[in-house]
Amino acid sequence: MHLTSKFRGSEVIELQNFEPASVDDIASVHARAYVSGLEKAMDQASEKGLIFIDSSGPTYATATTYRESIVAAGAGLALVDSVVAASKISRDPPTGFALIRPPGHHAVPQGPMGFCVFGNVAIAARYAQRVHGLKHVFIIDFDVHHGNGTNDAFYDDPDIFFLSIHQDGSYPGTGKFDEVGSGAGEGTTLNLPLPGGSGDTTMRTVFDEVIVPCAQRFKPDIILVSAGYDGHVLDPLANLQYTTGTYYTLASNIKQLSKELCGGRCVFFLEGGYNLKSLSYSVADTFRALLGDPSLASEFDDPNILYEEPSTKVKQAIQRIKSIHSL
């Protein structure tokens, strides 16, 4: 779709030869025993070709999974470095996007889960704090599934705000309204489970009435995004009705929010997405939004397959979350 640096020149900077994440980086979120255990399991994976590392997903590993997972996490850290450096010389720095696999938001501190090996976003959040002194990190997770791993990593931390918008009742069943954080971190976790059938109109309202006031109140130093594209109407793993256009608007709005609140420091991380076509078009349209290009969503989206959103249930959900979090 001509969105690489080959076609766009200096508008798209592709990071080459970055370092994989170190064990210390990963251990800022995950138990060291898990990290070393996964590395050791690679011998078994070489022999068998494929091993089972978690049954809830189900999540598998091959002989190269450990290496690929530290490279994926490392990509996020390199993007944080680049975006922070650019923000020191420009008021409108480029937005980062980590096109990585495996994804990360289900991986819990003790181990892998739901196709995820290491919590890429969580590791980047700790890194931004530790290396760049960016104390307040705001994480937006718009994957259709609850980002339970990120949720758990920072549940009692007042300096990292985790906000997840996901489909109610979907995998892994966590992320209820009343999961708001604990101890010093009470109030810095926001979970908004949306009814099946929610779509573009819902997301626009959620952005304006929930995401914006939360972010404004929290005053972040950087915004990180778990960008899952499985809420698309064509995705087989859930039943929300986001369109390619929904993701364009969301990316454009998040970029603007980061410009207003934290000097444009913002990095997206690829999470879920199980229909390759809708995933491809939606990521491409996200890139267009971040580049300031017009959306090409109308070439792909078919409005005829959409049905009416459950507006009453959505309204109730939004009212409930606003009441819990005093928005």
C-alpha atoms as a PDB file:
ATOM      1  CA  MET A   1       0.000   0.000   0.000  1.00  0.00           C
ATOM      2  CA  HIS A   2       3.045   2.237  -0.484  1.00  0.00           C
ATOM      3  CA  LEU A   3       3.312   3.212   3.184  1.00  0.00           C
ATOM      4  CA  THR A   4       6.965   2.249   3.756  1.00  0.00           C
ATOM      5  CA  SER A   5       9.986   4.534   3.705  1.00  0.00           C
ATOM      6  CA  LYS A   6      10.753   3.254   0.193  1.00  0.00           C
ATOM      7  CA  PHE A   7       7.684   5.168  -1.011  1.00  0.00           C
ATOM      8  CA  ARG A   8       7.344   7.828   1.694  1.00  0.00           C
ATOM      9  CA  GLY A   9      10.967   8.817   2.239  1.00  0.00           C
ATOM     10  CA  SER A  10      11.666  10.517   5.567  1.00  0.00           C
ATOM     11  CA  GLU A  11       7.950  10.555   6.536  1.00  0.00           C
ATOM     12  CA  VAL A  12       8.303   6.894   7.565  1.00  0.00           C
ATOM     13  CA  ILE A  13      11.433   5.953   9.486  1.00  0.00           C
ATOM     14  CA  GLU A  14      12.021   2.220   9.781  1.00  0.00           C
ATOM     15  CA  LEU A  15      14.262   1.279  12.687  1.00  0.00           C
ATOM     16  CA  GLN A  16      16.992  -1.153  11.669  1.00  0.00           C
ATOM     17  CA  ASN A  17      19.455  -3.127  13.811  1.00  0.00           C
ATOM     18  CA  PHE A  18      17.923  -2.339  17.197  1.00  0.00           C
ATOM     19  CA  GLU A  19      18.870  -4.384  20.246  1.00  0.00           C
ATOM     20  CA  PRO A  20      16.607  -7.143  21.557  1.00  0.00           C
ATOM     21  CA  ALA A  21      15.221  -6.473  25.040  1.00  0.00           C
ATOM     22  CA  SER A  22      17.578  -7.571  27.830  1.00  0.00           C
ATOM     23  CA  VAL A  23      16.612 -10.054  30.544  1.00  0.00           C
ATOM     24  CA  ASP A  24      16.600  -7.090  32.970  1.00  0.00           C
ATOM     25  CA  ASP A  25      14.140  -5.215  30.729  1.00  0.00           C
ATOM     26  CA  ILE A  26      11.813  -8.205  30.633  1.00  0.00           C
ATOM     27  CA  ALA A  27      12.255  -8.872  34.352  1.00  0.00           C
ATOM     28  CA  SER A  28      10.902  -5.392  35.101  1.00  0.00           C
ATOM     29  CA  VAL A  29       7.515  -7.036  34.383  1.00  0.00           C
ATOM     30  CA  HIS A  30       7.992 -10.829  34.354  1.00  0.00           C
ATOM     31  CA  ALA A  31       9.382 -13.312  36.884  1.00  0.00           C
ATOM     32  CA  ARG A  32      13.021 -14.170  36.108  1.00  0.00           C
ATOM     33  CA  ALA A  33      12.211 -17.877  36.537  1.00  0.00           C
ATOM     34  CA  TYR A  34       9.715 -17.621  33.678  1.00  0.00           C
ATOM     35  CA  VAL A  35      12.197 -15.853  31.400  1.00  0.00           C
ATOM     36  CA  SER A  36      14.982 -18.381  31.992  1.00  0.00           C
ATOM     37  CA  GLY A  37      12.537 -21.299  31.849  1.00  0.00           C
ATOM     38  CA  LEU A  38      11.292 -20.200  28.433  1.00  0.00           C
ATOM     39  CA  GLU A  39      14.855 -19.876  27.148  1.00  0.00           C
ATOM     40  CA  LYS A  40      15.633 -23.411  28.387  1.00  0.00           C
ATOM     41  CA  ALA A  41      12.452 -24.764  26.775  1.00  0.00           C
ATOM     42  CA  MET A  42      13.807 -23.809  23.346  1.00  0.00           C
ATOM     43  CA  ASP A  43      15.887 -27.016  23.236  1.00  0.00           C
ATOM     44  CA  GLN A  44      12.722 -29.055  23.668  1.00  0.00           C
ATOM     45  CA  ALA A  45      11.017 -26.918  21.006  1.00  0.00           C
ATOM     46  CA  SER A  46      13.886 -27.623  18.561  1.00  0.00           C
ATOM     47  CA  GLU A  47      13.435 -31.353  19.071  1.00  0.00           C
ATOM     48  CA  LYS A  48       9.652 -31.368  18.794  1.00  0.00           C
ATOM     49  CA  GLY A  49       9.137 -28.454  16.404  1.00  0.00           C
ATOM     50  CA  LEU A  50       6.231 -27.128  18.443  1.00  0.00           C
ATOM     51  CA  ILE A  51       5.547 -27.072  22.173  1.00  0.00           C
ATOM     52  CA  PHE A  52       2.571 -26.033  24.246  1.00  0.00           C
ATOM     53  CA  ILE A  53       3.487 -23.243  26.713  1.00  0.00           C
ATOM     54  CA  ASP A  54       0.020 -22.230  27.923  1.00  0.00           C
ATOM     55  CA  SER A  55      -3.305 -23.988  27.559  1.00  0.00           C
ATOM     56  CA  SER A  56      -5.695 -21.058  27.930  1.00  0.00           C
ATOM     57  CA  GLY A  57      -4.883 -19.485  24.551  1.00  0.00           C
ATOM     58  CA  PRO A  58      -3.741 -21.984  23.440  1.00  0.00           C
ATOM     59  CA  THR A  59      -0.191 -20.641  23.198  1.00  0.00           C
ATOM     60  CA  TYR A  60       2.602 -22.481  21.422  1.00  0.00           C
ATOM     61  CA  ALA A  61       6.342 -21.988  21.040  1.00  0.00           C
ATOM     62  CA  THR A  62       8.730 -23.059  18.303  1.00  0.00           C
ATOM     63  CA  ALA A  63      12.552 -23.160  18.462  1.00  0.00           C
ATOM     64  CA  THR A  64      12.813 -19.441  17.683  1.00  0.00           C
ATOM     65  CA  THR A  65      10.071 -18.118  20.001  1.00  0.00           C
ATOM     66  CA  TYR A  66      12.370 -16.891  22.772  1.00  0.00           C
ATOM     67  CA  ARG A  67      14.533 -14.961  20.330  1.00  0.00           C
ATOM     68  CA  GLU A  68      11.532 -13.530  18.470  1.00  0.00           C
ATOM     69  CA  SER A  69       9.911 -12.460  21.735  1.00  0.00           C
ATOM     70  CA  ILE A  70      12.953 -10.525  22.993  1.00  0.00           C
ATOM     71  CA  VAL A  71      13.268  -8.907  19.563  1.00  0.00           C
ATOM     72  CA  ALA A  72       9.555  -7.931  19.618  1.00  0.00           C
ATOM     73  CA  ALA A  73       9.916  -6.382  23.074  1.00  0.00           C
ATOM     74  CA  GLY A  74      13.165  -4.702  21.970  1.00  0.00           C
ATOM     75  CA  ALA A  75      11.391  -3.070  19.031  1.00  0.00           C
ATOM     76  CA  GLY A  76       9.065  -1.323  21.470  1.00  0.00           C
ATOM     77  CA  LEU A  77      11.977  -0.045  23.545  1.00  0.00           C
ATOM     78  CA  ALA A  78      13.803   1.234  20.456  1.00  0.00           C
ATOM     79  CA  LEU A  79      10.647   3.090  19.403  1.00  0.00           C
ATOM     80  CA  VAL A  80      10.306   4.666  22.842  1.00  0.00           C
ATOM     81  CA  ASP A  81      13.950   5.854  22.532  1.00  0.00           C
ATOM     82  CA  SER A  82      13.316   7.294  19.051  1.00  0.00           C
ATOM     83  CA  VAL A  83      10.056   9.032  19.890  1.00  0.00           C
ATOM     84  CA  VAL A  84      11.494  10.539  23.092  1.00  0.00           C
ATOM     85  CA  ALA A  85      14.596  11.782  21.230  1.00  0.00           C
ATOM     86  CA  ALA A  86      12.448  13.307  18.478  1.00  0.00           C
ATOM     87  CA  SER A  87      10.167  15.000  21.036  1.00  0.00           C
ATOM     88  CA  LYS A  88      13.171  16.931  22.370  1.00  0.00           C
ATOM     89  CA  ILE A  89      13.723  18.640  19.023  1.00  0.00           C
ATOM     90  CA  SER A  90      10.203  18.824  17.617  1.00  0.00           C
ATOM     91  CA  ARG A  91       6.794  19.691  18.999  1.00  0.00           C
ATOM     92  CA  ASP A  92       5.253  17.247  16.542  1.00  0.00           C
ATOM     93  CA  PRO A  93       7.460  14.133  16.702  1.00  0.00           C
ATOM     94  CA  PRO A  94       6.602  11.032  14.667  1.00  0.00           C
ATOM     95  CA  THR A  95       4.374   8.440  16.341  1.00  0.00           C
ATOM     96  CA  GLY A  96       5.897   4.989  16.813  1.00  0.00           C
ATOM     97  CA  PHE A  97       4.264   1.756  15.643  1.00  0.00           C
ATOM     98  CA  ALA A  98       5.747  -1.625  16.592  1.00  0.00           C
ATOM     99  CA  LEU A  99       4.687  -4.125  13.917  1.00  0.00           C
ATOM    100  CA  ILE A 100       5.597  -7.086  16.076  1.00  0.00           C
ATOM    101  CA  ARG A 101       4.758 -10.686  16.806  1.00  0.00           C
ATOM    102  CA  PRO A 102       4.199 -12.310  19.219  1.00  0.00           C
ATOM    103  CA  PRO A 103       1.712  -9.859  20.749  1.00  0.00           C
ATOM    104  CA  GLY A 104       1.875  -9.186  24.477  1.00  0.00           C
ATOM    105  CA  HIS A 105      -1.126  -7.905  26.406  1.00  0.00           C
ATOM    106  CA  HIS A 106      -2.317 -11.279  27.793  1.00  0.00           C
ATOM    107  CA  ALA A 107       1.124 -12.353  29.098  1.00  0.00           C
ATOM    108  CA  VAL A 108       0.975 -12.232  32.909  1.00  0.00           C
ATOM    109  CA  PRO A 109       3.957 -11.518  35.178  1.00  0.00           C
ATOM    110  CA  GLN A 110       4.331 -15.265  35.886  1.00  0.00           C
ATOM    111  CA  GLY A 111       4.052 -16.571  32.337  1.00  0.00           C
ATOM    112  CA  PRO A 112       2.614 -16.676  28.818  1.00  0.00           C
ATOM    113  CA  MET A 113      -1.082 -16.568  27.987  1.00  0.00           C
ATOM    114  CA  GLY A 114      -3.436 -16.117  25.050  1.00  0.00           C
ATOM    115  CA  PHE A 115      -0.896 -16.103  22.151  1.00  0.00           C
ATOM    116  CA  CYS A 116       1.307 -13.688  24.138  1.00  0.00           C
ATOM    117  CA  VAL A 117       4.801 -14.411  25.459  1.00  0.00           C
ATOM    118  CA  PHE A 118       6.142 -11.171  26.972  1.00  0.00           C
ATOM    119  CA  GLY A 119       4.121  -8.040  27.788  1.00  0.00           C
ATOM    120  CA  ASN A 120       5.590  -5.732  25.147  1.00  0.00           C
ATOM    121  CA  VAL A 121       3.602  -2.664  26.228  1.00  0.00           C
ATOM    122  CA  ALA A 122       4.191  -3.255  29.939  1.00  0.00           C
ATOM    123  CA  ILE A 123       7.948  -3.699  29.396  1.00  0.00           C
ATOM    124  CA  ALA A 124       8.031  -0.451  27.385  1.00  0.00           C
ATOM    125  CA  ALA A 125       6.109   1.385  30.136  1.00  0.00           C
ATOM    126  CA  ARG A 126       8.660   0.388  32.781  1.00  0.00           C
ATOM    127  CA  TYR A 127      11.495   1.257  30.391  1.00  0.00           C
ATOM    128  CA  ALA A 128      10.060   4.737  29.692  1.00  0.00           C
ATOM    129  CA  GLN A 129       9.995   5.365  33.438  1.00  0.00           C
ATOM    130  CA  ARG A 130      13.405   3.914  34.212  1.00  0.00           C
ATOM    131  CA  VAL A 131      15.479   5.100  31.259  1.00  0.00           C
ATOM    132  CA  HIS A 132      13.744   8.335  30.274  1.00  0.00           C
ATOM    133  CA  GLY A 133      12.269   9.478  33.579  1.00  0.00           C
ATOM    134  CA  LEU A 134       8.766   9.570  32.080  1.00  0.00           C
ATOM    135  CA  LYS A 135       6.941   8.961  35.336  1.00  0.00           C
ATOM    136  CA  HIS A 136       3.315   8.943  34.214  1.00  0.00           C
ATOM    137  CA  VAL A 137       2.519   6.397  31.526  1.00  0.00           C
ATOM    138  CA  PHE A 138      -0.990   6.201  30.041  1.00  0.00           C
ATOM    139  CA  ILE A 139      -1.821   2.910  28.292  1.00  0.00           C
ATOM    140  CA  ILE A 140      -4.838   2.606  25.984  1.00  0.00           C
ATOM    141  CA  ASP A 141      -5.785  -0.970  25.024  1.00  0.00           C
ATOM    142  CA  PHE A 142      -8.424  -1.142  22.268  1.00  0.00           C
ATOM    143  CA  ASP A 143      -7.981  -4.842  21.433  1.00  0.00           C
ATOM    144  CA  VAL A 144     -11.334  -6.651  21.554  1.00  0.00           C
ATOM    145  CA  HIS A 145     -10.037  -8.820  24.427  1.00  0.00           C
ATOM    146  CA  HIS A 146      -9.150  -7.541  27.892  1.00  0.00           C
ATOM    147  CA  GLY A 147      -5.429  -6.821  28.337  1.00  0.00           C
ATOM    148  CA  ASN A 148      -5.291  -8.861  31.538  1.00  0.00           C
ATOM    149  CA  GLY A 149      -1.487  -9.105  31.584  1.00  0.00           C
ATOM    150  CA  THR A 150      -0.967  -5.334  31.436  1.00  0.00           C
ATOM    151  CA  ASN A 151      -3.833  -4.923  33.915  1.00  0.00           C
ATOM    152  CA  ASP A 152      -2.113  -7.254  36.420  1.00  0.00           C
ATOM    153  CA  ALA A 153       1.378  -5.790  35.984  1.00  0.00           C
ATOM    154  CA  PHE A 154       0.315  -2.327  37.151  1.00  0.00           C
ATOM    155  CA  TYR A 155      -2.770  -2.994  39.262  1.00  0.00           C
ATOM    156  CA  ASP A 156      -1.337  -1.330  42.382  1.00  0.00           C
ATOM    157  CA  ASP A 157       0.792   1.284  40.608  1.00  0.00           C
ATOM    158  CA  PRO A 158      -0.496   4.893  40.735  1.00  0.00           C
ATOM    159  CA  ASP A 159       1.951   6.078  38.035  1.00  0.00           C
ATOM    160  CA  ILE A 160       0.730   3.844  35.217  1.00  0.00           C
ATOM    161  CA  PHE A 161      -2.857   4.312  34.070  1.00  0.00           C
ATOM    162  CA  PHE A 162      -4.221   1.274  32.230  1.00  0.00           C
ATOM    163  CA  LEU A 163      -7.426   1.796  30.242  1.00  0.00           C
ATOM    164  CA  SER A 164      -8.961  -1.161  28.398  1.00  0.00           C
ATOM    165  CA  ILE A 165     -12.033  -1.122  26.159  1.00  0.00           C
ATOM    166  CA  HIS A 166     -13.023  -4.671  25.251  1.00  0.00           C
ATOM    167  CA  GLN A 167     -16.014  -6.862  24.463  1.00  0.00           C
ATOM    168  CA  ASP A 168     -17.911  -7.990  27.545  1.00  0.00           C
ATOM    169  CA  GLY A 169     -17.704 -11.744  28.135  1.00  0.00           C
ATOM    170  CA  SER A 170     -14.868 -12.331  25.669  1.00  0.00           C
ATOM    171  CA  TYR A 171     -11.586 -14.123  26.422  1.00  0.00           C
ATOM    172  CA  PRO A 172     -10.151 -14.273  29.089  1.00  0.00           C
ATOM    173  CA  GLY A 173     -13.243 -13.202  31.061  1.00  0.00           C
ATOM    174  CA  THR A 174     -11.455 -10.535  33.122  1.00  0.00           C
ATOM    175  CA  GLY A 175     -11.721  -6.747  32.937  1.00  0.00           C
ATOM    176  CA  LYS A 176     -14.966  -6.084  34.757  1.00  0.00           C
ATOM    177  CA  PHE A 177     -16.188  -2.572  35.586  1.00  0.00           C
ATOM    178  CA  ASP A 178     -15.179  -2.896  39.240  1.00  0.00           C
ATOM    179  CA  GLU A 179     -11.552  -3.816  38.470  1.00  0.00           C
ATOM    180  CA  VAL A 180     -10.166  -0.341  39.180  1.00  0.00           C
ATOM    181  CA  GLY A 181      -6.759  -1.025  40.712  1.00  0.00           C
ATOM    182  CA  SER A 182      -5.773  -1.646  44.329  1.00  0.00           C
ATOM    183  CA  GLY A 183      -3.860   0.029  47.135  1.00  0.00           C
ATOM    184  CA  ALA A 184      -1.968   3.093  45.895  1.00  0.00           C
ATOM    185  CA  GLY A 185      -3.076   2.187  42.356  1.00  0.00           C
ATOM    186  CA  GLU A 186      -6.806   2.360  43.073  1.00  0.00           C
ATOM    187  CA  GLY A 187      -8.406   4.425  40.309  1.00  0.00           C
ATOM    188  CA  THR A 188      -5.571   4.072  37.781  1.00  0.00           C
ATOM    189  CA  THR A 189      -7.042   0.994  36.101  1.00  0.00           C
ATOM    190  CA  LEU A 190     -10.179   1.506  34.014  1.00  0.00           C
ATOM    191  CA  ASN A 191     -11.982  -1.418  32.416  1.00  0.00           C
ATOM    192  CA  LEU A 192     -14.891  -0.808  30.076  1.00  0.00           C
ATOM    193  CA  PRO A 193     -16.559  -4.005  28.837  1.00  0.00           C
ATOM    194  CA  LEU A 194     -18.761  -3.175  25.827  1.00  0.00           C
ATOM    195  CA  PRO A 195     -21.785  -5.181  24.721  1.00  0.00           C
ATOM    196  CA  GLY A 196     -21.489  -7.291  21.551  1.00  0.00           C
ATOM    197  CA  GLY A 197     -22.525  -5.286  18.500  1.00  0.00           C
ATOM    198  CA  SER A 198     -20.869  -2.056  19.669  1.00  0.00           C
ATOM    199  CA  GLY A 199     -19.217  -0.235  16.787  1.00  0.00           C
ATOM    200  CA  ASP A 200     -18.037   3.054  15.367  1.00  0.00           C
ATOM    201  CA  THR A 201     -20.563   5.320  17.122  1.00  0.00           C
ATOM    202  CA  THR A 202     -19.806   3.643  20.450  1.00  0.00           C
ATOM    203  CA  MET A 203     -16.070   4.119  20.059  1.00  0.00           C
ATOM    204  CA  ARG A 204     -16.424   7.802  19.170  1.00  0.00           C
ATOM    205  CA  THR A 205     -18.499   8.384  22.312  1.00  0.00           C
ATOM    206  CA  VAL A 206     -16.110   6.364  24.486  1.00  0.00           C
ATOM    207  CA  PHE A 207     -13.175   8.374  23.201  1.00  0.00           C
ATOM    208  CA  ASP A 208     -14.778  11.730  23.948  1.00  0.00           C
ATOM    209  CA  GLU A 209     -16.478  10.836  27.226  1.00  0.00           C
ATOM    210  CA  VAL A 210     -14.062   8.342  28.804  1.00  0.00           C
ATOM    211  CA  ILE A 211     -10.585   8.318  27.247  1.00  0.00           C
ATOM    212  CA  VAL A 212     -10.096  12.095  26.915  1.00  0.00           C
ATOM    213  CA  PRO A 213     -11.192  13.110  30.447  1.00  0.00           C
ATOM    214  CA  CYS A 214      -9.184  10.242  31.961  1.00  0.00           C
ATOM    215  CA  ALA A 215      -6.027  11.197  30.128  1.00  0.00           C
ATOM    216  CA  GLN A 216      -6.470  14.903  30.878  1.00  0.00           C
ATOM    217  CA  ARG A 217      -6.847  14.188  34.587  1.00  0.00           C
ATOM    218  CA  PHE A 218      -3.881  11.782  34.703  1.00  0.00           C
ATOM    219  CA  LYS A 219      -1.480  14.144  32.823  1.00  0.00           C
ATOM    220  CA  PRO A 220       0.700  11.515  31.121  1.00  0.00           C
ATOM    221  CA  ASP A 221       4.339  11.912  30.074  1.00  0.00           C
ATOM    222  CA  ILE A 222       3.889   9.343  27.283  1.00  0.00           C
ATOM    223  CA  ILE A 223       0.958   7.386  25.787  1.00  0.00           C
ATOM    224  CA  LEU A 224       1.378   3.727  24.823  1.00  0.00           C
ATOM    225  CA  VAL A 225      -1.288   1.897  22.816  1.00  0.00           C
ATOM    226  CA  SER A 226      -2.134  -1.800  22.671  1.00  0.00           C
ATOM    227  CA  ALA A 227      -3.535  -1.744  19.160  1.00  0.00           C
ATOM    228  CA  GLY A 228      -5.540  -4.906  18.565  1.00  0.00           C
ATOM    229  CA  TYR A 229      -7.625  -5.027  15.382  1.00  0.00           C
ATOM    230  CA  ASP A 230      -9.879  -7.933  16.349  1.00  0.00           C
ATOM    231  CA  GLY A 231     -12.803  -5.635  17.147  1.00  0.00           C
ATOM    232  CA  HIS A 232     -13.280  -5.295  13.367  1.00  0.00           C
ATOM    233  CA  VAL A 233     -16.683  -6.426  12.136  1.00  0.00           C
ATOM    234  CA  LEU A 234     -14.966  -9.012   9.879  1.00  0.00           C
ATOM    235  CA  ASP A 235     -12.839 -10.525  12.646  1.00  0.00           C
ATOM    236  CA  PRO A 236     -13.808 -14.111  13.503  1.00  0.00           C
ATOM    237  CA  LEU A 237     -12.828 -14.080  17.195  1.00  0.00           C
ATOM    238  CA  ALA A 238     -15.379 -11.626  18.578  1.00  0.00           C
ATOM    239  CA  ASN A 239     -18.435  -9.629  17.604  1.00  0.00           C
ATOM    240  CA  LEU A 240     -17.885  -5.932  17.804  1.00  0.00           C
ATOM    241  CA  GLN A 241     -18.568  -3.836  14.702  1.00  0.00           C
ATOM    242  CA  TYR A 242     -15.585  -1.546  14.386  1.00  0.00           C
ATOM    243  CA  THR A 243     -14.690  -0.703  10.809  1.00  0.00           C
ATOM    244  CA  THR A 244     -11.417   0.236   9.161  1.00  0.00           C
ATOM    245  CA  GLY A 245     -12.673   3.812   9.490  1.00  0.00           C
ATOM    246  CA  THR A 246     -13.090   3.365  13.260  1.00  0.00           C
ATOM    247  CA  TYR A 247      -9.382   2.580  13.584  1.00  0.00           C
ATOM    248  CA  TYR A 248      -8.428   5.551  11.415  1.00  0.00           C
ATOM    249  CA  THR A 249     -10.401   7.943  13.637  1.00  0.00           C
ATOM    250  CA  LEU A 250      -9.090   6.343  16.816  1.00  0.00           C
ATOM    251  CA  ALA A 251      -5.448   6.593  15.719  1.00  0.00           C
ATOM    252  CA  SER A 252      -5.910  10.169  14.581  1.00  0.00           C
ATOM    253  CA  ASN A 253      -7.558  11.108  17.893  1.00  0.00           C
ATOM    254  CA  ILE A 254      -4.912   9.369  20.016  1.00  0.00           C
ATOM    255  CA  LYS A 255      -2.139  11.129  18.117  1.00  0.00           C
ATOM    256  CA  GLN A 256      -3.842  14.484  18.698  1.00  0.00           C
ATOM    257  CA  LEU A 257      -4.336  13.672  22.390  1.00  0.00           C
ATOM    258  CA  SER A 258      -0.636  12.864  22.796  1.00  0.00           C
ATOM    259  CA  LYS A 259       0.249  16.143  21.105  1.00  0.00           C
ATOM    260  CA  GLU A 260      -1.954  18.070  23.510  1.00  0.00           C
ATOM    261  CA  LEU A 261      -0.920  16.242  26.691  1.00  0.00           C
ATOM    262  CA  CYS A 262       2.619  14.874  26.380  1.00  0.00           C
ATOM    263  CA  GLY A 263       4.580  16.523  23.596  1.00  0.00           C
ATOM    264  CA  GLY A 264       3.415  13.995  20.991  1.00  0.00           C
ATOM    265  CA  ARG A 265       5.184  11.071  22.686  1.00  0.00           C
ATOM    266  CA  CYS A 266       3.143   8.053  21.602  1.00  0.00           C
ATOM    267  CA  VAL A 267       3.919   4.469  20.557  1.00  0.00           C
ATOM    268  CA  PHE A 268       1.462   1.873  19.203  1.00  0.00           C
ATOM    269  CA  PHE A 269       2.052  -1.873  19.631  1.00  0.00           C
ATOM    270  CA  LEU A 270       0.355  -4.464  17.426  1.00  0.00           C
ATOM    271  CA  GLU A 271      -1.789  -6.880  19.441  1.00  0.00           C
ATOM    272  CA  GLY A 272      -4.624  -9.072  18.079  1.00  0.00           C
ATOM    273  CA  GLY A 273      -6.258  -9.326  14.653  1.00  0.00           C
ATOM    274  CA  TYR A 274      -7.320 -12.626  13.087  1.00  0.00           C
ATOM    275  CA  ASN A 275      -8.766 -11.727   9.703  1.00  0.00           C
ATOM    276  CA  LEU A 276      -5.660 -10.917   7.676  1.00  0.00           C
ATOM    277  CA  LYS A 277      -7.523  -8.698   5.271  1.00  0.00           C
ATOM    278  CA  SER A 278      -9.274  -6.470   7.806  1.00  0.00           C
ATOM    279  CA  LEU A 279      -6.090  -6.466   9.922  1.00  0.00           C
ATOM    280  CA  SER A 280      -3.990  -5.313   6.954  1.00  0.00           C
ATOM    281  CA  TYR A 281      -6.382  -2.594   5.838  1.00  0.00           C
ATOM    282  CA  SER A 282      -6.913  -1.333   9.394  1.00  0.00           C
ATOM    283  CA  VAL A 283      -3.198  -1.138  10.198  1.00  0.00           C
ATOM    284  CA  ALA A 284      -2.597   0.617   6.866  1.00  0.00           C
ATOM    285  CA  ASP A 285      -5.348   3.116   7.641  1.00  0.00           C
ATOM    286  CA  THR A 286      -3.834   3.647  11.103  1.00  0.00           C
ATOM    287  CA  PHE A 287      -0.594   4.549   9.331  1.00  0.00           C
ATOM    288  CA  ARG A 288      -2.499   6.990   7.107  1.00  0.00           C
ATOM    289  CA  ALA A 289      -4.009   8.622  10.185  1.00  0.00           C
ATOM    290  CA  LEU A 290      -0.580   8.961  11.789  1.00  0.00           C
ATOM    291  CA  LEU A 291       0.843  10.406   8.543  1.00  0.00           C
ATOM    292  CA  GLY A 292      -2.035  12.870   8.193  1.00  0.00           C
ATOM    293  CA  ASP A 293      -3.183  11.219   4.929  1.00  0.00           C
ATOM    294  CA  PRO A 294      -6.888  10.877   4.134  1.00  0.00           C
ATOM    295  CA  SER A 295      -8.504   7.562   5.049  1.00  0.00           C
ATOM    296  CA  LEU A 296      -9.011   4.933   2.350  1.00  0.00           C
ATOM    297  CA  ALA A 297     -11.384   2.937   4.567  1.00  0.00           C
ATOM    298  CA  SER A 298     -14.332   3.456   2.219  1.00  0.00           C
ATOM    299  CA  GLU A 299     -12.553   1.330  -0.407  1.00  0.00           C
ATOM    300  CA  PHE A 300     -12.660  -1.633   1.972  1.00  0.00           C
ATOM    301  CA  ASP A 301     -15.543  -1.170   4.418  1.00  0.00           C
ATOM    302  CA  ASP A 302     -19.001  -2.392   3.430  1.00  0.00           C
ATOM    303  CA  PRO A 303     -21.639  -0.460   5.430  1.00  0.00           C
ATOM    304  CA  ASN A 304     -24.293  -2.988   4.331  1.00  0.00           C
ATOM    305  CA  ILE A 305     -22.975  -5.680   6.673  1.00  0.00           C
ATOM    306  CA  LEU A 306     -23.392  -3.496   9.771  1.00  0.00           C
ATOM    307  CA  TYR A 307     -26.431  -3.764  12.030  1.00  0.00           C
ATOM    308  CA  GLU A 308     -27.795  -1.400  14.639  1.00  0.00           C
ATOM    309  CA  GLU A 309     -25.551  -0.880  17.661  1.00  0.00           C
ATOM    310  CA  PRO A 310     -27.076  -1.714  21.090  1.00  0.00           C
ATOM    311  CA  SER A 311     -27.253   1.968  22.021  1.00  0.00           C
ATOM    312  CA  THR A 312     -29.191   1.581  25.288  1.00  0.00           C
ATOM    313  CA  LYS A 313     -26.738  -0.992  26.682  1.00  0.00           C
ATOM    314  CA  VAL A 314     -23.798   1.115  25.497  1.00  0.00           C
ATOM    315  CA  LYS A 315     -25.210   4.214  27.173  1.00  0.00           C
ATOM    316  CA  GLN A 316     -25.645   2.275  30.424  1.00  0.00           C
ATOM    317  CA  ALA A 317     -22.064   0.962  30.251  1.00  0.00           C
ATOM    318  CA  ILE A 318     -20.643   4.432  29.644  1.00  0.00           C
ATOM    319  CA  GLN A 319     -22.734   5.951  32.455  1.00  0.00           C
ATOM    320  CA  ARG A 320     -21.619   3.199  34.803  1.00  0.00           C
ATOM    321  CA  ILE A 321     -17.895   3.678  34.084  1.00  0.00           C
ATOM    322  CA  LYS A 322     -18.219   7.478  34.358  1.00  0.00           C
ATOM    323  CA  SER A 323     -19.880   7.092  37.725  1.00  0.00           C
ATOM    324  CA  ILE A 324     -17.248   4.619  39.055  1.00  0.00           C
ATOM    325  CA  HIS A 325     -14.357   6.841  37.932  1.00  0.00           C
ATOM    326  CA  SER A 326     -16.052  10.220  38.613  1.00  0.00           C
ATOM    327  CA  LEU A 327     -15.690  11.372  34.994  1.00  0.00           C
END
